[in-house]
Amino acid sequence: MAVAISAAGDLVATGDQDGTVRVGRSDGSEPHLLIGGGGLVYDLAFSPDARWLAATSADEVRLWPVPDVSRPPLYTLPREQLLGKLAALTNVRVVEDAASSTGYRVDLAPFPDWRDVPTW
């Protein structure tokens, strides 16, 4: 539905109707997935330095740090390594809660404070 190419021409991003954004090298290697669930992606744009990617949907703009495409996509990592990477990228945590009907609840931890672009 949407395509963007970095200024250097080495990165390509695509967005689809369910909100999934794929970012990868222009050589066609395995892309990284950015899943936001924002619905149809209307447009994509890389920042001039290709460190950030903006994705627009009907009623929102999502700003993503561009993944390090020299490394394997997160979804290909072993479970524990994946969980460690995800924890560094968000302040949302699922914690045990005996009082909850499911045994868990969502908790907002202190935000990682992104002074620099997070490392994928």
C-alpha atoms as a PDB file:
ATOM      1  CA  MET A   1       0.000   0.000   0.000  1.00  0.00           C
ATOM      2  CA  ALA A   2       2.919   2.381   0.724  1.00  0.00           C
ATOM      3  CA  VAL A   3       6.631   2.387  -0.144  1.00  0.00           C
ATOM      4  CA  ALA A   4       9.580   4.554   0.915  1.00  0.00           C
ATOM      5  CA  ILE A   5      13.229   4.434  -0.127  1.00  0.00           C
ATOM      6  CA  SER A   6      15.955   5.996   2.007  1.00  0.00           C
ATOM      7  CA  ALA A   7      17.891   8.963   0.587  1.00  0.00           C
ATOM      8  CA  ALA A   8      20.945   6.735   0.056  1.00  0.00           C
ATOM      9  CA  GLY A   9      18.794   4.157  -1.725  1.00  0.00           C
ATOM     10  CA  ASP A  10      20.003   1.315   0.485  1.00  0.00           C
ATOM     11  CA  LEU A  11      16.820   0.863   2.558  1.00  0.00           C
ATOM     12  CA  VAL A  12      13.246   0.145   1.520  1.00  0.00           C
ATOM     13  CA  ALA A  13      10.131   0.281   3.682  1.00  0.00           C
ATOM     14  CA  THR A  14       6.683  -0.995   2.753  1.00  0.00           C
ATOM     15  CA  GLY A  15       3.386  -0.708   4.594  1.00  0.00           C
ATOM     16  CA  ASP A  16       0.266  -2.811   4.169  1.00  0.00           C
ATOM     17  CA  GLN A  17      -3.454  -2.686   4.906  1.00  0.00           C
ATOM     18  CA  ASP A  18      -3.202  -4.191   8.411  1.00  0.00           C
ATOM     19  CA  GLY A  19      -0.570  -1.735   9.681  1.00  0.00           C
ATOM     20  CA  THR A  20       2.508  -3.928   9.270  1.00  0.00           C
ATOM     21  CA  VAL A  21       5.612  -2.082   8.106  1.00  0.00           C
ATOM     22  CA  ARG A  22       8.565  -3.976   6.655  1.00  0.00           C
ATOM     23  CA  VAL A  23      12.044  -2.432   6.550  1.00  0.00           C
ATOM     24  CA  GLY A  24      14.999  -4.027   4.826  1.00  0.00           C
ATOM     25  CA  ARG A  25      17.928  -3.606   2.523  1.00  0.00           C
ATOM     26  CA  SER A  26      17.163  -2.811  -1.090  1.00  0.00           C
ATOM     27  CA  ASP A  27      18.924  -6.066  -2.062  1.00  0.00           C
ATOM     28  CA  GLY A  28      15.787  -7.998  -1.081  1.00  0.00           C
ATOM     29  CA  SER A  29      17.160  -9.649   2.061  1.00  0.00           C
ATOM     30  CA  GLU A  30      14.863 -10.641   4.950  1.00  0.00           C
ATOM     31  CA  PRO A  31      12.992  -7.526   6.159  1.00  0.00           C
ATOM     32  CA  HIS A  32      12.407  -6.440   9.746  1.00  0.00           C
ATOM     33  CA  LEU A  33       8.756  -6.203  10.807  1.00  0.00           C
ATOM     34  CA  LEU A  34       7.321  -3.182  12.616  1.00  0.00           C
ATOM     35  CA  ILE A  35       3.865  -4.164  13.808  1.00  0.00           C
ATOM     36  CA  GLY A  36       1.702  -1.324  15.034  1.00  0.00           C
ATOM     37  CA  GLY A  37      -1.841  -2.345  14.249  1.00  0.00           C
ATOM     38  CA  GLY A  38      -2.746   1.157  13.127  1.00  0.00           C
ATOM     39  CA  GLY A  39      -4.678  -0.047  10.093  1.00  0.00           C
ATOM     40  CA  LEU A  40      -3.954   0.743   6.462  1.00  0.00           C
ATOM     41  CA  VAL A  41      -0.573   2.444   6.030  1.00  0.00           C
ATOM     42  CA  TYR A  42      -1.115   5.415   3.717  1.00  0.00           C
ATOM     43  CA  ASP A  43       2.400   6.776   3.520  1.00  0.00           C
ATOM     44  CA  LEU A  44       5.949   6.179   4.738  1.00  0.00           C
ATOM     45  CA  ALA A  45       8.966   8.475   4.974  1.00  0.00           C
ATOM     46  CA  PHE A  46      12.548   7.996   6.146  1.00  0.00           C
ATOM     47  CA  SER A  47      14.285  10.818   8.004  1.00  0.00           C
ATOM     48  CA  PRO A  48      17.159  12.286   5.949  1.00  0.00           C
ATOM     49  CA  ASP A  49      19.698  10.309   8.017  1.00  0.00           C
ATOM     50  CA  ALA A  50      17.580   7.095   7.760  1.00  0.00           C
ATOM     51  CA  ARG A  51      17.515   6.682  11.547  1.00  0.00           C
ATOM     52  CA  TRP A  52      13.735   7.143  11.808  1.00  0.00           C
ATOM     53  CA  LEU A  53      10.718   6.055   9.772  1.00  0.00           C
ATOM     54  CA  ALA A  54       7.310   7.744   9.880  1.00  0.00           C
ATOM     55  CA  ALA A  55       4.181   5.789   8.946  1.00  0.00           C
ATOM     56  CA  THR A  56       0.751   7.369   8.551  1.00  0.00           C
ATOM     57  CA  SER A  57      -2.656   5.733   8.813  1.00  0.00           C
ATOM     58  CA  ALA A  58      -6.143   7.230   8.752  1.00  0.00           C
ATOM     59  CA  ASP A  59      -5.877   8.934  12.133  1.00  0.00           C
ATOM     60  CA  GLU A  60      -2.315   8.664  13.408  1.00  0.00           C
ATOM     61  CA  VAL A  61       1.371   8.972  12.658  1.00  0.00           C
ATOM     62  CA  ARG A  62       3.773   6.382  14.067  1.00  0.00           C
ATOM     63  CA  LEU A  63       7.466   7.138  14.401  1.00  0.00           C
ATOM     64  CA  TRP A  64       9.795   4.136  14.429  1.00  0.00           C
ATOM     65  CA  PRO A  65      13.537   3.880  14.991  1.00  0.00           C
ATOM     66  CA  VAL A  66      14.875   2.153  11.859  1.00  0.00           C
ATOM     67  CA  PRO A  67      16.138  -1.322  12.766  1.00  0.00           C
ATOM     68  CA  ASP A  68      19.757  -2.290  12.199  1.00  0.00           C
ATOM     69  CA  VAL A  69      19.309  -4.211   8.946  1.00  0.00           C
ATOM     70  CA  SER A  70      22.829  -5.620   9.221  1.00  0.00           C
ATOM     71  CA  ARG A  71      21.500  -7.827  12.040  1.00  0.00           C
ATOM     72  CA  PRO A  72      18.862 -10.564  11.801  1.00  0.00           C
ATOM     73  CA  PRO A  73      15.224  -9.472  12.195  1.00  0.00           C
ATOM     74  CA  LEU A  74      13.984  -9.683  15.790  1.00  0.00           C
ATOM     75  CA  TYR A  75      11.416 -12.380  15.029  1.00  0.00           C
ATOM     76  CA  THR A  76      14.241 -14.743  14.015  1.00  0.00           C
ATOM     77  CA  LEU A  77      16.018 -14.483  17.408  1.00  0.00           C
ATOM     78  CA  PRO A  78      15.834 -17.151  20.125  1.00  0.00           C
ATOM     79  CA  ARG A  79      13.043 -16.457  22.653  1.00  0.00           C
ATOM     80  CA  GLU A  80      15.141 -15.088  25.548  1.00  0.00           C
ATOM     81  CA  GLN A  81      17.197 -12.863  23.277  1.00  0.00           C
ATOM     82  CA  LEU A  82      14.002 -11.559  21.647  1.00  0.00           C
ATOM     83  CA  LEU A  83      12.410 -10.765  25.024  1.00  0.00           C
ATOM     84  CA  GLY A  84      15.519  -8.873  26.102  1.00  0.00           C
ATOM     85  CA  LYS A  85      15.498  -6.758  22.944  1.00  0.00           C
ATOM     86  CA  LEU A  86      11.780  -6.020  23.259  1.00  0.00           C
ATOM     87  CA  ALA A  87      12.140  -4.988  26.898  1.00  0.00           C
ATOM     88  CA  ALA A  88      14.727  -2.395  25.853  1.00  0.00           C
ATOM     89  CA  LEU A  89      12.353  -0.904  23.272  1.00  0.00           C
ATOM     90  CA  THR A  90       9.235  -0.355  25.412  1.00  0.00           C
ATOM     91  CA  ASN A  91       8.052   0.511  28.892  1.00  0.00           C
ATOM     92  CA  VAL A  92       5.040  -1.833  28.730  1.00  0.00           C
ATOM     93  CA  ARG A  93       5.456  -4.976  30.836  1.00  0.00           C
ATOM     94  CA  VAL A  94       3.236  -7.957  31.560  1.00  0.00           C
ATOM     95  CA  VAL A  95       3.573  -8.886  35.232  1.00  0.00           C
ATOM     96  CA  GLU A  96       2.054 -11.609  37.382  1.00  0.00           C
ATOM     97  CA  ASP A  97      -1.012 -10.530  39.372  1.00  0.00           C
ATOM     98  CA  ALA A  98      -2.794 -13.132  41.514  1.00  0.00           C
ATOM     99  CA  ALA A  99      -5.820 -10.818  41.863  1.00  0.00           C
ATOM    100  CA  SER A 100      -6.375 -10.706  38.095  1.00  0.00           C
ATOM    101  CA  SER A 101      -8.681 -13.227  36.413  1.00  0.00           C
ATOM    102  CA  THR A 102      -5.877 -14.088  33.983  1.00  0.00           C
ATOM    103  CA  GLY A 103      -3.093 -14.084  36.570  1.00  0.00           C
ATOM    104  CA  TYR A 104      -1.351 -11.202  34.791  1.00  0.00           C
ATOM    105  CA  ARG A 105      -1.711  -7.465  34.248  1.00  0.00           C
ATOM    106  CA  VAL A 106      -0.125  -4.820  32.046  1.00  0.00           C
ATOM    107  CA  ASP A 107       2.200  -2.462  33.888  1.00  0.00           C
ATOM    108  CA  LEU A 108       3.927   0.682  32.671  1.00  0.00           C
ATOM    109  CA  ALA A 109       7.538   0.734  33.823  1.00  0.00           C
ATOM    110  CA  PRO A 110       9.698   3.861  33.617  1.00  0.00           C
ATOM    111  CA  PHE A 111      10.261   4.723  29.964  1.00  0.00           C
ATOM    112  CA  PRO A 112      13.736   3.773  28.637  1.00  0.00           C
ATOM    113  CA  ASP A 113      14.471   7.474  27.929  1.00  0.00           C
ATOM    114  CA  TRP A 114      15.597   7.424  24.317  1.00  0.00           C
ATOM    115  CA  ARG A 115      18.308  10.062  24.229  1.00  0.00           C
ATOM    116  CA  ASP A 116      19.744   8.018  21.384  1.00  0.00           C
ATOM    117  CA  VAL A 117      18.043   5.793  18.847  1.00  0.00           C
ATOM    118  CA  PRO A 118      17.482   2.368  20.487  1.00  0.00           C
ATOM    119  CA  THR A 119      19.752  -0.466  19.408  1.00  0.00           C
ATOM    120  CA  TRP A 120      17.900  -3.299  17.726  1.00  0.00           C
END
